[in-house]
C-alpha atoms as a PDB file:
ATOM      1  CA  MET A   1     -32.653   3.744 -17.283  1.00  0.00           C
ATOM      2  CA  PRO A   2     -29.690   2.306 -15.322  1.00  0.00           C
ATOM      3  CA  ILE A   3     -26.975   4.625 -14.102  1.00  0.00           C
ATOM      4  CA  ASP A   4     -23.703   4.167 -15.959  1.00  0.00           C
ATOM      5  CA  GLN A   5     -21.082   2.945 -13.444  1.00  0.00           C
ATOM      6  CA  VAL A   6     -18.301   5.017 -15.034  1.00  0.00           C
ATOM      7  CA  LEU A   7     -20.409   8.184 -14.857  1.00  0.00           C
ATOM      8  CA  LEU A   8     -21.281   7.474 -11.226  1.00  0.00           C
ATOM      9  CA  ASN A   9     -17.626   6.883 -10.301  1.00  0.00           C
ATOM     10  CA  ASN A  10     -16.567  10.072 -12.107  1.00  0.00           C
ATOM     11  CA  TYR A  11     -19.292  12.057 -10.354  1.00  0.00           C
ATOM     12  CA  CYS A  12     -18.289  10.706  -6.931  1.00  0.00           C
ATOM     13  CA  GLN A  13     -14.606  11.360  -7.544  1.00  0.00           C
ATOM     14  CA  ASN A  14     -15.298  14.919  -8.677  1.00  0.00           C
ATOM     15  CA  ASN A  15     -17.730  15.722  -5.859  1.00  0.00           C
ATOM     16  CA  SER A  16     -16.417  13.752  -2.882  1.00  0.00           C
ATOM     17  CA  SER A  17     -13.474  14.139  -0.604  1.00  0.00           C
ATOM     18  CA  GLN A  18     -10.409  12.456  -2.036  1.00  0.00           C
ATOM     19  CA  ASN A  19      -9.579   8.889  -1.148  1.00  0.00           C
ATOM     20  CA  ASN A  20      -7.427   8.412   1.914  1.00  0.00           C
ATOM     21  CA  ALA A  21      -4.011   6.861   1.386  1.00  0.00           C
ATOM     22  CA  TYR A  22      -5.084   3.673   3.162  1.00  0.00           C
ATOM     23  CA  LEU A  23      -8.122   3.222   0.889  1.00  0.00           C
ATOM     24  CA  ALA A  24      -5.928   3.805  -2.157  1.00  0.00           C
ATOM     25  CA  GLU A  25      -3.559   1.108  -0.857  1.00  0.00           C
ATOM     26  CA  ILE A  26      -6.450  -1.341  -0.513  1.00  0.00           C
ATOM     27  CA  GLU A  27      -7.513  -0.558  -4.092  1.00  0.00           C
ATOM     28  CA  ARG A  28      -3.964  -1.326  -5.288  1.00  0.00           C
ATOM     29  CA  ASN A  29      -3.889  -4.570  -3.297  1.00  0.00           C
ATOM     30  CA  ILE A  30      -7.236  -5.623  -4.708  1.00  0.00           C
ATOM     31  CA  ALA A  31      -5.970  -5.036  -8.245  1.00  0.00           C
ATOM     32  CA  LEU A  32      -2.806  -7.058  -7.503  1.00  0.00           C
ATOM     33  CA  LEU A  33      -4.233  -9.891  -5.421  1.00  0.00           C
ATOM     34  CA  SER A  34      -7.697 -10.538  -6.726  1.00  0.00           C
ATOM     35  CA  ALA A  35      -8.874 -12.278  -9.845  1.00  0.00           C
ATOM     36  CA  ASP A  36     -12.282 -10.737  -9.111  1.00  0.00           C
ATOM     37  CA  PRO A  37     -12.067  -7.083  -8.001  1.00  0.00           C
ATOM     38  CA  SER A  38     -15.874  -6.961  -7.815  1.00  0.00           C
ATOM     39  CA  LEU A  39     -15.540  -8.730  -4.446  1.00  0.00           C
ATOM     40  CA  SER A  40     -14.729  -5.301  -2.999  1.00  0.00           C
ATOM     41  CA  SER A  41     -16.521  -2.000  -2.895  1.00  0.00           C
ATOM     42  CA  ASP A  42     -15.124   0.658  -5.199  1.00  0.00           C
ATOM     43  CA  PHE A  43     -14.588   4.380  -4.577  1.00  0.00           C
ATOM     44  CA  ALA A  44     -18.211   5.386  -5.273  1.00  0.00           C
ATOM     45  CA  GLN A  45     -19.665   2.581  -3.170  1.00  0.00           C
ATOM     46  CA  GLY A  46     -17.239   3.353  -0.352  1.00  0.00           C
ATOM     47  CA  ARG A  47     -18.190   7.027  -0.269  1.00  0.00           C
ATOM     48  CA  ILE A  48     -21.888   6.141  -0.259  1.00  0.00           C
ATOM     49  CA  LEU A  49     -21.387   3.635   2.583  1.00  0.00           C
ATOM     50  CA  SER A  50     -19.423   6.242   4.520  1.00  0.00           C
ATOM     51  CA  LEU A  51     -22.141   8.854   3.974  1.00  0.00           C
ATOM     52  CA  ILE A  52     -24.916   6.512   5.122  1.00  0.00           C
ATOM     53  CA  SER A  53     -22.900   5.568   8.196  1.00  0.00           C
ATOM     54  CA  LYS A  54     -22.190   9.232   9.008  1.00  0.00           C
ATOM     55  CA  LEU A  55     -25.884  10.097   8.654  1.00  0.00           C
ATOM     56  CA  LEU A  56     -27.079   7.215  10.862  1.00  0.00           C
ATOM     57  CA  LYS A  57     -24.190   7.271  13.389  1.00  0.00           C
ATOM     58  CA  PRO A  58     -24.778   3.625  14.330  1.00  0.00           C
ATOM     59  CA  SER A  59     -23.541   2.019  17.522  1.00  0.00           C
ATOM     60  CA  TYR A  60     -23.165  -1.429  15.982  1.00  0.00           C
ATOM     61  CA  ILE A  61     -22.825  -2.553  12.384  1.00  0.00           C
ATOM     62  CA  LEU A  62     -22.817  -6.143  11.194  1.00  0.00           C
ATOM     63  CA  GLU A  63     -20.976  -6.729   7.919  1.00  0.00           C
ATOM     64  CA  ILE A  64     -20.895 -10.119   6.243  1.00  0.00           C
ATOM     65  CA  GLY A  65     -17.826 -10.415   4.042  1.00  0.00           C
ATOM     66  CA  THR A  66     -14.760  -8.299   4.805  1.00  0.00           C
ATOM     67  CA  PHE A  67     -12.505  -9.213   1.870  1.00  0.00           C
ATOM     68  CA  LEU A  68      -9.600  -6.725   2.329  1.00  0.00           C
ATOM     69  CA  GLY A  69     -11.511  -4.252   4.502  1.00  0.00           C
ATOM     70  CA  TYR A  70     -12.437  -1.439   2.084  1.00  0.00           C
ATOM     71  CA  ALA A  71     -16.165  -1.260   2.927  1.00  0.00           C
ATOM     72  CA  THR A  72     -15.397  -2.055   6.557  1.00  0.00           C
ATOM     73  CA  ILE A  73     -13.240   1.051   6.868  1.00  0.00           C
ATOM     74  CA  CYS A  74     -15.761   3.209   5.000  1.00  0.00           C
ATOM     75  CA  LEU A  75     -18.595   2.055   7.278  1.00  0.00           C
ATOM     76  CA  SER A  76     -16.463   2.613  10.397  1.00  0.00           C
ATOM     77  CA  GLU A  77     -16.045   6.307   9.509  1.00  0.00           C
ATOM     78  CA  GLY A  78     -19.564   7.119  10.732  1.00  0.00           C
ATOM     79  CA  LEU A  79     -19.807   5.038  13.878  1.00  0.00           C
ATOM     80  CA  CYS A  80     -20.901   6.914  16.992  1.00  0.00           C
ATOM     81  CA  GLU A  81     -18.391   7.360  19.820  1.00  0.00           C
ATOM     82  CA  GLY A  82     -17.575   3.880  21.119  1.00  0.00           C
ATOM     83  CA  GLY A  83     -19.376   2.219  18.195  1.00  0.00           C
ATOM     84  CA  ILE A  84     -18.103  -0.982  16.640  1.00  0.00           C
ATOM     85  CA  ILE A  85     -18.413  -2.882  13.393  1.00  0.00           C
ATOM     86  CA  HIS A  86     -18.432  -6.662  13.543  1.00  0.00           C
ATOM     87  CA  SER A  87     -17.289  -8.039  10.218  1.00  0.00           C
ATOM     88  CA  LEU A  88     -17.478 -11.703   9.292  1.00  0.00           C
ATOM     89  CA  GLU A  89     -14.882 -13.094   6.891  1.00  0.00           C
ATOM     90  CA  LYS A  90     -14.695 -16.726   5.796  1.00  0.00           C
ATOM     91  CA  ASN A  91     -11.193 -16.606   4.313  1.00  0.00           C
ATOM     92  CA  GLU A  92      -8.394 -16.414   6.886  1.00  0.00           C
ATOM     93  CA  ASP A  93      -5.891 -15.955   4.051  1.00  0.00           C
ATOM     94  CA  TYR A  94      -6.841 -12.250   4.089  1.00  0.00           C
ATOM     95  CA  LYS A  95      -6.188 -11.827   7.832  1.00  0.00           C
ATOM     96  CA  GLU A  96      -2.757 -10.184   7.550  1.00  0.00           C
ATOM     97  CA  GLN A  97      -3.890  -7.695   4.889  1.00  0.00           C
ATOM     98  CA  ILE A  98      -7.144  -6.897   6.716  1.00  0.00           C
ATOM     99  CA  THR A  99      -5.288  -6.267   9.970  1.00  0.00           C
ATOM    100  CA  HIS A 100      -2.778  -4.051   8.153  1.00  0.00           C
ATOM    101  CA  HIS A 101      -5.486  -2.015   6.386  1.00  0.00           C
ATOM    102  CA  ILE A 102      -7.595  -1.566   9.536  1.00  0.00           C
ATOM    103  CA  SER A 103      -4.476  -0.448  11.411  1.00  0.00           C
ATOM    104  CA  LEU A 104      -3.486   2.054   8.683  1.00  0.00           C
ATOM    105  CA  ALA A 105      -6.981   3.552   8.880  1.00  0.00           C
ATOM    106  CA  LYS A 106      -6.596   3.849  12.661  1.00  0.00           C
ATOM    107  CA  ALA A 107      -9.827   1.879  12.999  1.00  0.00           C
ATOM    108  CA  SER A 108      -8.571  -1.015  15.130  1.00  0.00           C
ATOM    109  CA  LYS A 109     -10.698   0.005  18.136  1.00  0.00           C
ATOM    110  CA  LYS A 110     -13.801   0.254  15.927  1.00  0.00           C
ATOM    111  CA  VAL A 111     -13.520  -3.042  14.051  1.00  0.00           C
ATOM    112  CA  LYS A 112     -13.759  -6.657  15.214  1.00  0.00           C
ATOM    113  CA  ILE A 113     -13.239  -9.304  12.544  1.00  0.00           C
ATOM    114  CA  PHE A 114     -14.654 -12.806  13.023  1.00  0.00           C
ATOM    115  CA  TYR A 115     -13.042 -15.474  10.841  1.00  0.00           C
ATOM    116  CA  GLY A 116     -14.800 -18.653   9.789  1.00  0.00           C
ATOM    117  CA  SER A 117     -18.307 -19.597   8.777  1.00  0.00           C
ATOM    118  CA  ALA A 118     -20.757 -16.686   8.895  1.00  0.00           C
ATOM    119  CA  LEU A 119     -23.582 -19.032   9.911  1.00  0.00           C
ATOM    120  CA  ASP A 120     -21.551 -20.370  12.847  1.00  0.00           C
ATOM    121  CA  THR A 121     -20.565 -16.860  13.943  1.00  0.00           C
ATOM    122  CA  LEU A 122     -24.096 -15.467  13.585  1.00  0.00           C
ATOM    123  CA  ALA A 123     -25.360 -18.203  15.898  1.00  0.00           C
ATOM    124  CA  HIS A 124     -23.213 -16.709  18.689  1.00  0.00           C
ATOM    125  CA  LEU A 125     -23.971 -13.009  18.156  1.00  0.00           C
ATOM    126  CA  ASP A 126     -26.854 -11.015  19.653  1.00  0.00           C
ATOM    127  CA  LEU A 127     -28.446  -9.821  16.421  1.00  0.00           C
ATOM    128  CA  ASN A 128     -30.666  -7.365  18.321  1.00  0.00           C
ATOM    129  CA  LEU A 129     -27.606  -5.125  18.900  1.00  0.00           C
ATOM    130  CA  TYR A 130     -27.081  -4.096  15.305  1.00  0.00           C
ATOM    131  CA  ASP A 131     -28.310  -0.877  13.794  1.00  0.00           C
END
């Protein structure tokens, strides 16, 4: 039987640390700017991504699709000291908002965004680095 998304979100909100102000701002921006909010992770998904990242403490994470940076920030919360997330985003129209959100989260040293075709970018990255 599939888990009801509303029940899962309610459970996560009741049993997780509260959303940071910068994640709440991204949620507002997604609601205002996007015709398809499903392009972004939601609160429950973000907390799960953060938990997995904190458990694994990766050195390098490769993310394909940044959108406005919600999952990127959540994943960056668990990086080991000096770790980095490389995030690939096709749409440069989001650059200003992504930069703003990453800066608000004080994650600028942990996140490197590559704009353009993911296939072109992947061809230039050492894929053996990523956890």
